[in-house]
Amino acid sequence: MSSIYALNLFDLAQNDDYKAYSKRSVDAVGKHGGRVVALGRLSADSPSTGDSPRHVMVLVEWPSAEAFQAFKDDPDHVDLHPLREGGTENYLWWAYDRLEDLRPVLNDRDL
């Protein structure tokens, strides 16, 4: 098993749902071995790529894909995930396998 990274990119909705989510999410993530490794806000100097950028970035490291799935499926958090969903707009969420270097990507013919 190797760790994975969950990259969350989003805009905040015009309500307090994400504020309520953030008060509980660190403990909920930690319960399954996850940890927030980076938080970010879109820089005013960020170059435009033509896509609509998201204003908030959260990067979470999980010990395994199974731990990440356990967080998402945890019945103790059935009321938590709707706060994230209702408190954000334009939400993008991807999971990335941890790499020690780029050789596996550079050698991957499926890209």
PDB file of N, CA and C in Angstrom:
ATOM      1  N   MET A   1       0.836  -1.186   0.000  1.00  0.00           N
ATOM      2  CA  MET A   1       0.000   0.000   0.000  1.00  0.00           C
ATOM      3  C   MET A   1       0.880   1.247   0.000  1.00  0.00           C
ATOM      4  N   SER A   2       0.534   2.181  -0.852  1.00  0.00           N
ATOM      5  CA  SER A   2       1.259   3.442  -0.820  1.00  0.00           C
ATOM      6  C   SER A   2       0.260   4.576  -0.622  1.00  0.00           C
ATOM      7  N   SER A   3       0.781   5.665  -0.156  1.00  0.00           N
ATOM      8  CA  SER A   3      -0.091   6.793   0.140  1.00  0.00           C
ATOM      9  C   SER A   3      -0.597   7.442  -1.144  1.00  0.00           C
ATOM     10  N   ILE A   4      -1.698   8.172  -0.991  1.00  0.00           N
ATOM     11  CA  ILE A   4      -2.269   8.928  -2.097  1.00  0.00           C
ATOM     12  C   ILE A   4      -2.516  10.356  -1.615  1.00  0.00           C
ATOM     13  N   TYR A   5      -2.675  11.232  -2.577  1.00  0.00           N
ATOM     14  CA  TYR A   5      -2.983  12.625  -2.287  1.00  0.00           C
ATOM     15  C   TYR A   5      -4.336  12.963  -2.888  1.00  0.00           C
ATOM     16  N   ALA A   6      -5.187  13.579  -2.090  1.00  0.00           N
ATOM     17  CA  ALA A   6      -6.471  14.069  -2.580  1.00  0.00           C
ATOM     18  C   ALA A   6      -6.349  15.578  -2.767  1.00  0.00           C
ATOM     19  N   LEU A   7      -6.481  16.002  -4.012  1.00  0.00           N
ATOM     20  CA  LEU A   7      -6.406  17.408  -4.353  1.00  0.00           C
ATOM     21  C   LEU A   7      -7.824  17.943  -4.475  1.00  0.00           C
ATOM     22  N   ASN A   8      -8.135  18.943  -3.662  1.00  0.00           N
ATOM     23  CA  ASN A   8      -9.454  19.571  -3.646  1.00  0.00           C
ATOM     24  C   ASN A   8      -9.308  21.007  -4.135  1.00  0.00           C
ATOM     25  N   LEU A   9     -10.034  21.360  -5.174  1.00  0.00           N
ATOM     26  CA  LEU A   9     -10.040  22.717  -5.707  1.00  0.00           C
ATOM     27  C   LEU A   9     -11.488  23.178  -5.751  1.00  0.00           C
ATOM     28  N   PHE A  10     -11.763  24.380  -5.232  1.00  0.00           N
ATOM     29  CA  PHE A  10     -13.154  24.829  -5.172  1.00  0.00           C
ATOM     30  C   PHE A  10     -13.246  26.322  -4.909  1.00  0.00           C
ATOM     31  N   ASP A  11     -14.459  26.829  -5.063  1.00  0.00           N
ATOM     32  CA  ASP A  11     -14.829  28.169  -4.639  1.00  0.00           C
ATOM     33  C   ASP A  11     -15.773  28.008  -3.461  1.00  0.00           C
ATOM     34  N   LEU A  12     -15.780  28.965  -2.573  1.00  0.00           N
ATOM     35  CA  LEU A  12     -16.706  28.926  -1.441  1.00  0.00           C
ATOM     36  C   LEU A  12     -18.076  29.417  -1.876  1.00  0.00           C
ATOM     37  N   ALA A  13     -19.110  28.745  -1.395  1.00  0.00           N
ATOM     38  CA  ALA A  13     -20.483  29.174  -1.642  1.00  0.00           C
ATOM     39  C   ALA A  13     -20.818  30.332  -0.691  1.00  0.00           C
ATOM     40  N   GLN A  14     -21.896  31.007  -0.977  1.00  0.00           N
ATOM     41  CA  GLN A  14     -22.318  32.159  -0.169  1.00  0.00           C
ATOM     42  C   GLN A  14     -23.147  31.702   1.032  1.00  0.00           C
ATOM     43  N   ASN A  15     -22.565  30.826   1.851  1.00  0.00           N
ATOM     44  CA  ASN A  15     -23.213  30.361   3.082  1.00  0.00           C
ATOM     45  C   ASN A  15     -22.117  29.946   4.062  1.00  0.00           C
ATOM     46  N   ASP A  16     -22.498  29.457   5.218  1.00  0.00           N
ATOM     47  CA  ASP A  16     -21.526  29.064   6.240  1.00  0.00           C
ATOM     48  C   ASP A  16     -21.301  27.559   6.314  1.00  0.00           C
ATOM     49  N   ASP A  17     -21.754  26.809   5.319  1.00  0.00           N
ATOM     50  CA  ASP A  17     -21.612  25.350   5.366  1.00  0.00           C
ATOM     51  C   ASP A  17     -20.151  24.920   5.425  1.00  0.00           C
ATOM     52  N   TYR A  18     -19.286  25.534   4.611  1.00  0.00           N
ATOM     53  CA  TYR A  18     -17.886  25.097   4.617  1.00  0.00           C
ATOM     54  C   TYR A  18     -17.191  25.476   5.916  1.00  0.00           C
ATOM     55  N   LYS A  19     -17.595  26.564   6.510  1.00  0.00           N
ATOM     56  CA  LYS A  19     -17.039  26.941   7.811  1.00  0.00           C
ATOM     57  C   LYS A  19     -17.384  25.850   8.837  1.00  0.00           C
ATOM     58  N   ALA A  20     -18.617  25.357   8.810  1.00  0.00           N
ATOM     59  CA  ALA A  20     -19.021  24.266   9.706  1.00  0.00           C
ATOM     60  C   ALA A  20     -18.252  22.987   9.372  1.00  0.00           C
ATOM     61  N   TYR A  21     -18.054  22.722   8.089  1.00  0.00           N
ATOM     62  CA  TYR A  21     -17.292  21.545   7.663  1.00  0.00           C
ATOM     63  C   TYR A  21     -15.857  21.623   8.173  1.00  0.00           C
ATOM     64  N   SER A  22     -15.236  22.782   8.019  1.00  0.00           N
ATOM     65  CA  SER A  22     -13.825  22.910   8.388  1.00  0.00           C
ATOM     66  C   SER A  22     -13.591  22.737   9.884  1.00  0.00           C
ATOM     67  N   LYS A  23     -14.578  23.035  10.699  1.00  0.00           N
ATOM     68  CA  LYS A  23     -14.439  22.852  12.148  1.00  0.00           C
ATOM     69  C   LYS A  23     -14.357  21.385  12.534  1.00  0.00           C
ATOM     70  N   ARG A  24     -14.924  20.513  11.723  1.00  0.00           N
ATOM     71  CA  ARG A  24     -14.954  19.078  12.031  1.00  0.00           C
ATOM     72  C   ARG A  24     -14.049  18.240  11.142  1.00  0.00           C
ATOM     73  N   SER A  25     -13.644  18.775  10.003  1.00  0.00           N
ATOM     74  CA  SER A  25     -12.989  17.937   9.001  1.00  0.00           C
ATOM     75  C   SER A  25     -11.602  17.462   9.407  1.00  0.00           C
ATOM     76  N   VAL A  26     -10.841  18.257  10.139  1.00  0.00           N
ATOM     77  CA  VAL A  26      -9.484  17.828  10.514  1.00  0.00           C
ATOM     78  C   VAL A  26      -9.553  16.562  11.366  1.00  0.00           C
ATOM     79  N   ASP A  27     -10.451  16.519  12.337  1.00  0.00           N
ATOM     80  CA  ASP A  27     -10.604  15.310  13.158  1.00  0.00           C
ATOM     81  C   ASP A  27     -11.126  14.140  12.339  1.00  0.00           C
ATOM     82  N   ALA A  28     -12.069  14.416  11.443  1.00  0.00           N
ATOM     83  CA  ALA A  28     -12.639  13.348  10.614  1.00  0.00           C
ATOM     84  C   ALA A  28     -11.585  12.759   9.686  1.00  0.00           C
ATOM     85  N   VAL A  29     -10.770  13.606   9.095  1.00  0.00           N
ATOM     86  CA  VAL A  29      -9.688  13.153   8.211  1.00  0.00           C
ATOM     87  C   VAL A  29      -8.658  12.378   9.033  1.00  0.00           C
ATOM     88  N   GLY A  30      -8.283  12.912  10.192  1.00  0.00           N
ATOM     89  CA  GLY A  30      -7.293  12.262  11.053  1.00  0.00           C
ATOM     90  C   GLY A  30      -7.734  10.904  11.542  1.00  0.00           C
ATOM     91  N   LYS A  31      -9.026  10.739  11.741  1.00  0.00           N
ATOM     92  CA  LYS A  31      -9.567   9.446  12.194  1.00  0.00           C
ATOM     93  C   LYS A  31      -9.172   8.318  11.241  1.00  0.00           C
ATOM     94  N   HIS A  32      -9.000   8.641   9.966  1.00  0.00           N
ATOM     95  CA  HIS A  32      -8.669   7.631   8.958  1.00  0.00           C
ATOM     96  C   HIS A  32      -7.229   7.753   8.465  1.00  0.00           C
ATOM     97  N   GLY A  33      -6.411   8.454   9.224  1.00  0.00           N
ATOM     98  CA  GLY A  33      -4.982   8.528   8.912  1.00  0.00           C
ATOM     99  C   GLY A  33      -4.597   9.621   7.936  1.00  0.00           C
ATOM    100  N   GLY A  34      -5.545  10.439   7.518  1.00  0.00           N
ATOM    101  CA  GLY A  34      -5.237  11.510   6.593  1.00  0.00           C
ATOM    102  C   GLY A  34      -4.690  12.731   7.319  1.00  0.00           C
ATOM    103  N   ARG A  35      -3.975  13.553   6.555  1.00  0.00           N
ATOM    104  CA  ARG A  35      -3.496  14.815   7.122  1.00  0.00           C
ATOM    105  C   ARG A  35      -3.421  15.858   6.019  1.00  0.00           C
ATOM    106  N   VAL A  36      -3.835  17.055   6.379  1.00  0.00           N
ATOM    107  CA  VAL A  36      -3.767  18.165   5.437  1.00  0.00           C
ATOM    108  C   VAL A  36      -2.301  18.578   5.318  1.00  0.00           C
ATOM    109  N   VAL A  37      -1.771  18.547   4.105  1.00  0.00           N
ATOM    110  CA  VAL A  37      -0.364  18.906   3.897  1.00  0.00           C
ATOM    111  C   VAL A  37      -0.207  20.276   3.264  1.00  0.00           C
ATOM    112  N   ALA A  38      -1.276  20.805   2.670  1.00  0.00           N
ATOM    113  CA  ALA A  38      -1.184  22.141   2.081  1.00  0.00           C
ATOM    114  C   ALA A  38      -2.573  22.752   1.952  1.00  0.00           C
ATOM    115  N   LEU A  39      -2.612  24.045   2.225  1.00  0.00           N
ATOM    116  CA  LEU A  39      -3.803  24.859   2.004  1.00  0.00           C
ATOM    117  C   LEU A  39      -3.373  26.017   1.114  1.00  0.00           C
ATOM    118  N   GLY A  40      -4.215  26.420   0.198  1.00  0.00           N
ATOM    119  CA  GLY A  40      -3.829  27.520  -0.672  1.00  0.00           C
ATOM    120  C   GLY A  40      -5.015  28.356  -1.097  1.00  0.00           C
ATOM    121  N   ARG A  41      -4.702  29.565  -1.463  1.00  0.00           N
ATOM    122  CA  ARG A  41      -5.676  30.512  -1.988  1.00  0.00           C
ATOM    123  C   ARG A  41      -5.122  31.034  -3.309  1.00  0.00           C
ATOM    124  N   LEU A  42      -5.961  31.158  -4.301  1.00  0.00           N
ATOM    125  CA  LEU A  42      -5.522  31.602  -5.610  1.00  0.00           C
ATOM    126  C   LEU A  42      -4.811  32.943  -5.486  1.00  0.00           C
ATOM    127  N   SER A  43      -3.623  33.002  -6.011  1.00  0.00           N
ATOM    128  CA  SER A  43      -2.822  34.211  -5.973  1.00  0.00           C
ATOM    129  C   SER A  43      -3.402  35.256  -6.915  1.00  0.00           C
ATOM    130  N   ALA A  44      -3.378  36.495  -6.481  1.00  0.00           N
ATOM    131  CA  ALA A  44      -3.828  37.594  -7.341  1.00  0.00           C
ATOM    132  C   ALA A  44      -2.960  37.689  -8.587  1.00  0.00           C
ATOM    133  N   ASP A  45      -1.740  37.179  -8.516  1.00  0.00           N
ATOM    134  CA  ASP A  45      -0.806  37.218  -9.646  1.00  0.00           C
ATOM    135  C   ASP A  45      -0.836  35.935 -10.479  1.00  0.00           C
ATOM    136  N   SER A  46      -1.802  35.052 -10.207  1.00  0.00           N
ATOM    137  CA  SER A  46      -1.862  33.776 -10.902  1.00  0.00           C
ATOM    138  C   SER A  46      -2.120  33.988 -12.395  1.00  0.00           C
ATOM    139  N   PRO A  47      -1.311  33.345 -13.252  1.00  0.00           N
ATOM    140  CA  PRO A  47      -1.525  33.508 -14.690  1.00  0.00           C
ATOM    141  C   PRO A  47      -2.827  32.837 -15.119  1.00  0.00           C
ATOM    142  N   SER A  48      -3.513  33.412 -16.058  1.00  0.00           N
ATOM    143  CA  SER A  48      -4.761  32.869 -16.565  1.00  0.00           C
ATOM    144  C   SER A  48      -4.455  31.812 -17.624  1.00  0.00           C
ATOM    145  N   THR A  49      -5.156  30.678 -17.568  1.00  0.00           N
ATOM    146  CA  THR A  49      -4.965  29.624 -18.556  1.00  0.00           C
ATOM    147  C   THR A  49      -6.180  29.480 -19.455  1.00  0.00           C
ATOM    148  N   GLY A  50      -7.165  30.333 -19.273  1.00  0.00           N
ATOM    149  CA  GLY A  50      -8.382  30.225 -20.063  1.00  0.00           C
ATOM    150  C   GLY A  50      -9.468  29.465 -19.336  1.00  0.00           C
ATOM    151  N   ASP A  51      -9.105  28.591 -18.395  1.00  0.00           N
ATOM    152  CA  ASP A  51     -10.091  27.882 -17.586  1.00  0.00           C
ATOM    153  C   ASP A  51     -10.499  28.768 -16.422  1.00  0.00           C
ATOM    154  N   SER A  52     -11.617  28.463 -15.844  1.00  0.00           N
ATOM    155  CA  SER A  52     -12.065  29.192 -14.664  1.00  0.00           C
ATOM    156  C   SER A  52     -11.339  28.624 -13.445  1.00  0.00           C
ATOM    157  N   PRO A  53     -10.424  29.387 -12.852  1.00  0.00           N
ATOM    158  CA  PRO A  53      -9.682  28.852 -11.705  1.00  0.00           C
ATOM    159  C   PRO A  53     -10.561  28.740 -10.464  1.00  0.00           C
ATOM    160  N   ARG A  54     -10.206  27.816  -9.602  1.00  0.00           N
ATOM    161  CA  ARG A  54     -10.861  27.706  -8.301  1.00  0.00           C
ATOM    162  C   ARG A  54     -10.030  28.535  -7.334  1.00  0.00           C
ATOM    163  N   HIS A  55     -10.679  29.110  -6.342  1.00  0.00           N
ATOM    164  CA  HIS A  55      -9.995  30.049  -5.452  1.00  0.00           C
ATOM    165  C   HIS A  55      -9.362  29.404  -4.226  1.00  0.00           C
ATOM    166  N   VAL A  56      -9.754  28.171  -3.908  1.00  0.00           N
ATOM    167  CA  VAL A  56      -9.231  27.504  -2.719  1.00  0.00           C
ATOM    168  C   VAL A  56      -8.669  26.151  -3.111  1.00  0.00           C
ATOM    169  N   MET A  57      -7.535  25.771  -2.477  1.00  0.00           N
ATOM    170  CA  MET A  57      -6.899  24.481  -2.709  1.00  0.00           C
ATOM    171  C   MET A  57      -6.607  23.842  -1.352  1.00  0.00           C
ATOM    172  N   VAL A  58      -6.977  22.567  -1.234  1.00  0.00           N
ATOM    173  CA  VAL A  58      -6.642  21.771  -0.048  1.00  0.00           C
ATOM    174  C   VAL A  58      -6.023  20.475  -0.561  1.00  0.00           C
ATOM    175  N   LEU A  59      -4.845  20.132  -0.039  1.00  0.00           N
ATOM    176  CA  LEU A  59      -4.166  18.888  -0.407  1.00  0.00           C
ATOM    177  C   LEU A  59      -4.074  18.011   0.836  1.00  0.00           C
ATOM    178  N   VAL A  60      -4.649  16.815   0.750  1.00  0.00           N
ATOM    179  CA  VAL A  60      -4.680  15.886   1.878  1.00  0.00           C
ATOM    180  C   VAL A  60      -3.907  14.630   1.506  1.00  0.00           C
ATOM    181  N   GLU A  61      -3.001  14.214   2.389  1.00  0.00           N
ATOM    182  CA  GLU A  61      -2.276  12.960   2.200  1.00  0.00           C
ATOM    183  C   GLU A  61      -2.995  11.872   2.983  1.00  0.00           C
ATOM    184  N   TRP A  62      -3.228  10.749   2.306  1.00  0.00           N
ATOM    185  CA  TRP A  62      -3.879   9.579   2.913  1.00  0.00           C
ATOM    186  C   TRP A  62      -2.884   8.426   2.897  1.00  0.00           C
ATOM    187  N   PRO A  63      -2.890   7.566   3.928  1.00  0.00           N
ATOM    188  CA  PRO A  63      -1.943   6.452   3.947  1.00  0.00           C
ATOM    189  C   PRO A  63      -2.197   5.419   2.842  1.00  0.00           C
ATOM    190  N   SER A  64      -3.439   5.401   2.315  1.00  0.00           N
ATOM    191  CA  SER A  64      -3.787   4.447   1.263  1.00  0.00           C
ATOM    192  C   SER A  64      -5.112   4.863   0.634  1.00  0.00           C
ATOM    193  N   ALA A  65      -5.406   4.281  -0.516  1.00  0.00           N
ATOM    194  CA  ALA A  65      -6.697   4.521  -1.155  1.00  0.00           C
ATOM    195  C   ALA A  65      -7.829   3.988  -0.273  1.00  0.00           C
ATOM    196  N   GLU A  66      -7.550   2.905   0.442  1.00  0.00           N
ATOM    197  CA  GLU A  66      -8.567   2.331   1.331  1.00  0.00           C
ATOM    198  C   GLU A  66      -8.906   3.282   2.475  1.00  0.00           C
ATOM    199  N   ALA A  67      -7.892   3.961   3.009  1.00  0.00           N
ATOM    200  CA  ALA A  67      -8.136   4.934   4.084  1.00  0.00           C
ATOM    201  C   ALA A  67      -8.977   6.104   3.574  1.00  0.00           C
ATOM    202  N   PHE A  68      -8.686   6.555   2.371  1.00  0.00           N
ATOM    203  CA  PHE A  68      -9.455   7.638   1.761  1.00  0.00           C
ATOM    204  C   PHE A  68     -10.904   7.204   1.570  1.00  0.00           C
ATOM    205  N   GLN A  69     -11.088   5.999   1.074  1.00  0.00           N
ATOM    206  CA  GLN A  69     -12.448   5.483   0.876  1.00  0.00           C
ATOM    207  C   GLN A  69     -13.177   5.334   2.208  1.00  0.00           C
ATOM    208  N   ALA A  70     -12.469   4.890   3.245  1.00  0.00           N
ATOM    209  CA  ALA A  70     -13.082   4.745   4.575  1.00  0.00           C
ATOM    210  C   ALA A  70     -13.555   6.097   5.099  1.00  0.00           C
ATOM    211  N   PHE A  71     -12.787   7.151   4.853  1.00  0.00           N
ATOM    212  CA  PHE A  71     -13.210   8.499   5.232  1.00  0.00           C
ATOM    213  C   PHE A  71     -14.506   8.865   4.519  1.00  0.00           C
ATOM    214  N   LYS A  72     -14.562   8.621   3.218  1.00  0.00           N
ATOM    215  CA  LYS A  72     -15.749   8.979   2.448  1.00  0.00           C
ATOM    216  C   LYS A  72     -16.967   8.164   2.861  1.00  0.00           C
ATOM    217  N   ASP A  73     -16.762   6.897   3.266  1.00  0.00           N
ATOM    218  CA  ASP A  73     -17.867   5.992   3.600  1.00  0.00           C
ATOM    219  C   ASP A  73     -18.226   5.956   5.079  1.00  0.00           C
ATOM    220  N   ASP A  74     -17.495   6.648   5.932  1.00  0.00           N
ATOM    221  CA  ASP A  74     -17.691   6.574   7.382  1.00  0.00           C
ATOM    222  C   ASP A  74     -19.111   7.006   7.770  1.00  0.00           C
ATOM    223  N   PRO A  75     -19.893   6.100   8.364  1.00  0.00           N
ATOM    224  CA  PRO A  75     -21.263   6.464   8.753  1.00  0.00           C
ATOM    225  C   PRO A  75     -21.312   7.543   9.839  1.00  0.00           C
ATOM    226  N   ASP A  76     -20.228   7.725  10.581  1.00  0.00           N
ATOM    227  CA  ASP A  76     -20.201   8.791  11.584  1.00  0.00           C
ATOM    228  C   ASP A  76     -20.148  10.178  10.944  1.00  0.00           C
ATOM    229  N   HIS A  77     -19.841  10.217   9.642  1.00  0.00           N
ATOM    230  CA  HIS A  77     -19.712  11.496   8.962  1.00  0.00           C
ATOM    231  C   HIS A  77     -20.779  11.706   7.896  1.00  0.00           C
ATOM    232  N   VAL A  78     -21.883  10.999   8.026  1.00  0.00           N
ATOM    233  CA  VAL A  78     -22.946  11.109   7.021  1.00  0.00           C
ATOM    234  C   VAL A  78     -23.468  12.546   6.925  1.00  0.00           C
ATOM    235  N   ASP A  79     -23.404  13.301   7.998  1.00  0.00           N
ATOM    236  CA  ASP A  79     -23.854  14.692   7.984  1.00  0.00           C
ATOM    237  C   ASP A  79     -22.722  15.666   7.656  1.00  0.00           C
ATOM    238  N   LEU A  80     -21.485  15.179   7.586  1.00  0.00           N
ATOM    239  CA  LEU A  80     -20.331  16.041   7.333  1.00  0.00           C
ATOM    240  C   LEU A  80     -20.151  16.351   5.848  1.00  0.00           C
ATOM    241  N   HIS A  81     -20.198  15.342   5.019  1.00  0.00           N
ATOM    242  CA  HIS A  81     -19.939  15.530   3.587  1.00  0.00           C
ATOM    243  C   HIS A  81     -20.929  16.496   2.922  1.00  0.00           C
ATOM    244  N   PRO A  82     -22.209  16.490   3.290  1.00  0.00           N
ATOM    245  CA  PRO A  82     -23.114  17.493   2.709  1.00  0.00           C
ATOM    246  C   PRO A  82     -22.715  18.937   3.039  1.00  0.00           C
ATOM    247  N   LEU A  83     -22.041  19.147   4.159  1.00  0.00           N
ATOM    248  CA  LEU A  83     -21.565  20.498   4.479  1.00  0.00           C
ATOM    249  C   LEU A  83     -20.490  20.938   3.488  1.00  0.00           C
ATOM    250  N   ARG A  84     -19.597  20.000   3.121  1.00  0.00           N
ATOM    251  CA  ARG A  84     -18.566  20.300   2.121  1.00  0.00           C
ATOM    252  C   ARG A  84     -19.225  20.579   0.775  1.00  0.00           C
ATOM    253  N   GLU A  85     -20.164  19.734   0.411  1.00  0.00           N
ATOM    254  CA  GLU A  85     -20.825  19.875  -0.886  1.00  0.00           C
ATOM    255  C   GLU A  85     -21.653  21.157  -0.957  1.00  0.00           C
ATOM    256  N   GLY A  86     -22.381  21.476   0.109  1.00  0.00           N
ATOM    257  CA  GLY A  86     -23.220  22.668   0.114  1.00  0.00           C
ATOM    258  C   GLY A  86     -22.438  23.951   0.298  1.00  0.00           C
ATOM    259  N   GLY A  87     -21.246  23.844   0.869  1.00  0.00           N
ATOM    260  CA  GLY A  87     -20.447  25.025   1.152  1.00  0.00           C
ATOM    261  C   GLY A  87     -19.466  25.394   0.068  1.00  0.00           C
ATOM    262  N   THR A  88     -19.491  24.639  -1.028  1.00  0.00           N
ATOM    263  CA  THR A  88     -18.548  24.897  -2.118  1.00  0.00           C
ATOM    264  C   THR A  88     -19.287  24.975  -3.452  1.00  0.00           C
ATOM    265  N   GLU A  89     -18.595  25.564  -4.417  1.00  0.00           N
ATOM    266  CA  GLU A  89     -19.068  25.603  -5.798  1.00  0.00           C
ATOM    267  C   GLU A  89     -17.893  25.233  -6.691  1.00  0.00           C
ATOM    268  N   ASN A  90     -18.203  24.726  -7.864  1.00  0.00           N
ATOM    269  CA  ASN A  90     -17.157  24.395  -8.845  1.00  0.00           C
ATOM    270  C   ASN A  90     -16.115  23.450  -8.257  1.00  0.00           C
ATOM    271  N   TYR A  91     -16.574  22.475  -7.499  1.00  0.00           N
ATOM    272  CA  TYR A  91     -15.693  21.580  -6.752  1.00  0.00           C
ATOM    273  C   TYR A  91     -15.037  20.555  -7.671  1.00  0.00           C
ATOM    274  N   LEU A  92     -13.733  20.433  -7.557  1.00  0.00           N
ATOM    275  CA  LEU A  92     -12.965  19.397  -8.242  1.00  0.00           C
ATOM    276  C   LEU A  92     -12.206  18.615  -7.181  1.00  0.00           C
ATOM    277  N   TRP A  93     -12.219  17.297  -7.296  1.00  0.00           N
ATOM    278  CA  TRP A  93     -11.592  16.451  -6.283  1.00  0.00           C
ATOM    279  C   TRP A  93     -10.974  15.260  -6.997  1.00  0.00           C
ATOM    280  N   TRP A  94      -9.654  15.155  -6.941  1.00  0.00           N
ATOM    281  CA  TRP A  94      -8.939  14.052  -7.575  1.00  0.00           C
ATOM    282  C   TRP A  94      -8.021  13.395  -6.559  1.00  0.00           C
ATOM    283  N   ALA A  95      -7.776  12.107  -6.772  1.00  0.00           N
ATOM    284  CA  ALA A  95      -6.819  11.368  -5.948  1.00  0.00           C
ATOM    285  C   ALA A  95      -5.623  11.003  -6.831  1.00  0.00           C
ATOM    286  N   TYR A  96      -4.422  11.243  -6.306  1.00  0.00           N
ATOM    287  CA  TYR A  96      -3.178  10.974  -7.025  1.00  0.00           C
ATOM    288  C   TYR A  96      -2.326   9.997  -6.236  1.00  0.00           C
ATOM    289  N   ASP A  97      -1.772   9.009  -6.928  1.00  0.00           N
ATOM    290  CA  ASP A  97      -0.829   8.091  -6.290  1.00  0.00           C
ATOM    291  C   ASP A  97       0.472   8.825  -5.979  1.00  0.00           C
ATOM    292  N   ARG A  98       1.056   8.496  -4.856  1.00  0.00           N
ATOM    293  CA  ARG A  98       2.343   9.084  -4.482  1.00  0.00           C
ATOM    294  C   ARG A  98       3.434   8.500  -5.369  1.00  0.00           C
ATOM    295  N   LEU A  99       4.322   9.344  -5.845  1.00  0.00           N
ATOM    296  CA  LEU A  99       5.467   8.926  -6.654  1.00  0.00           C
ATOM    297  C   LEU A  99       6.752   9.388  -5.974  1.00  0.00           C
ATOM    298  N   GLU A 100       7.771   8.587  -6.073  1.00  0.00           N
ATOM    299  CA  GLU A 100       9.082   8.986  -5.568  1.00  0.00           C
ATOM    300  C   GLU A 100       9.815   9.845  -6.591  1.00  0.00           C
ATOM    301  N   ASP A 101       9.513   9.621  -7.871  1.00  0.00           N
ATOM    302  CA  ASP A 101      10.065  10.430  -8.948  1.00  0.00           C
ATOM    303  C   ASP A 101       9.119  10.312 -10.136  1.00  0.00           C
ATOM    304  N   LEU A 102       9.413  10.988 -11.225  1.00  0.00           N
ATOM    305  CA  LEU A 102       8.502  11.026 -12.379  1.00  0.00           C
ATOM    306  C   LEU A 102       8.700   9.910 -13.396  1.00  0.00           C
ATOM    307  N   ARG A 103       9.647   9.017 -13.167  1.00  0.00           N
ATOM    308  CA  ARG A 103       9.886   7.951 -14.145  1.00  0.00           C
ATOM    309  C   ARG A 103       8.639   7.145 -14.492  1.00  0.00           C
ATOM    310  N   PRO A 104       7.810   6.748 -13.518  1.00  0.00           N
ATOM    311  CA  PRO A 104       6.613   5.984 -13.907  1.00  0.00           C
ATOM    312  C   PRO A 104       5.682   6.766 -14.829  1.00  0.00           C
ATOM    313  N   VAL A 105       5.582   8.063 -14.635  1.00  0.00           N
ATOM    314  CA  VAL A 105       4.740   8.896 -15.487  1.00  0.00           C
ATOM    315  C   VAL A 105       5.376   9.067 -16.861  1.00  0.00           C
ATOM    316  N   LEU A 106       6.656   9.314 -16.886  1.00  0.00           N
ATOM    317  CA  LEU A 106       7.350   9.533 -18.157  1.00  0.00           C
ATOM    318  C   LEU A 106       7.388   8.279 -19.003  1.00  0.00           C
ATOM    319  N   ASN A 107       7.344   7.119 -18.375  1.00  0.00           N
ATOM    320  CA  ASN A 107       7.359   5.856 -19.106  1.00  0.00           C
ATOM    321  C   ASN A 107       5.971   5.321 -19.412  1.00  0.00           C
ATOM    322  N   ASP A 108       4.932   5.992 -18.924  1.00  0.00           N
ATOM    323  CA  ASP A 108       3.552   5.541 -19.099  1.00  0.00           C
ATOM    324  C   ASP A 108       3.061   5.900 -20.498  1.00  0.00           C
ATOM    325  N   ARG A 109       2.755   4.916 -21.297  1.00  0.00           N
ATOM    326  CA  ARG A 109       2.318   5.153 -22.687  1.00  0.00           C
ATOM    327  C   ARG A 109       0.852   5.541 -22.773  1.00  0.00           C
ATOM    328  N   ASP A 110       0.084   5.406 -21.663  1.00  0.00           N
ATOM    329  CA  ASP A 110      -1.360   5.679 -21.696  1.00  0.00           C
ATOM    330  C   ASP A 110      -1.692   7.156 -21.508  1.00  0.00           C
ATOM    331  N   LEU A 111      -0.691   7.992 -21.267  1.00  0.00           N
ATOM    332  CA  LEU A 111      -0.966   9.418 -21.025  1.00  0.00           C
ATOM    333  C   LEU A 111      -1.269  10.159 -22.294  1.00  0.00           C
TER     334      LEU A 111
END
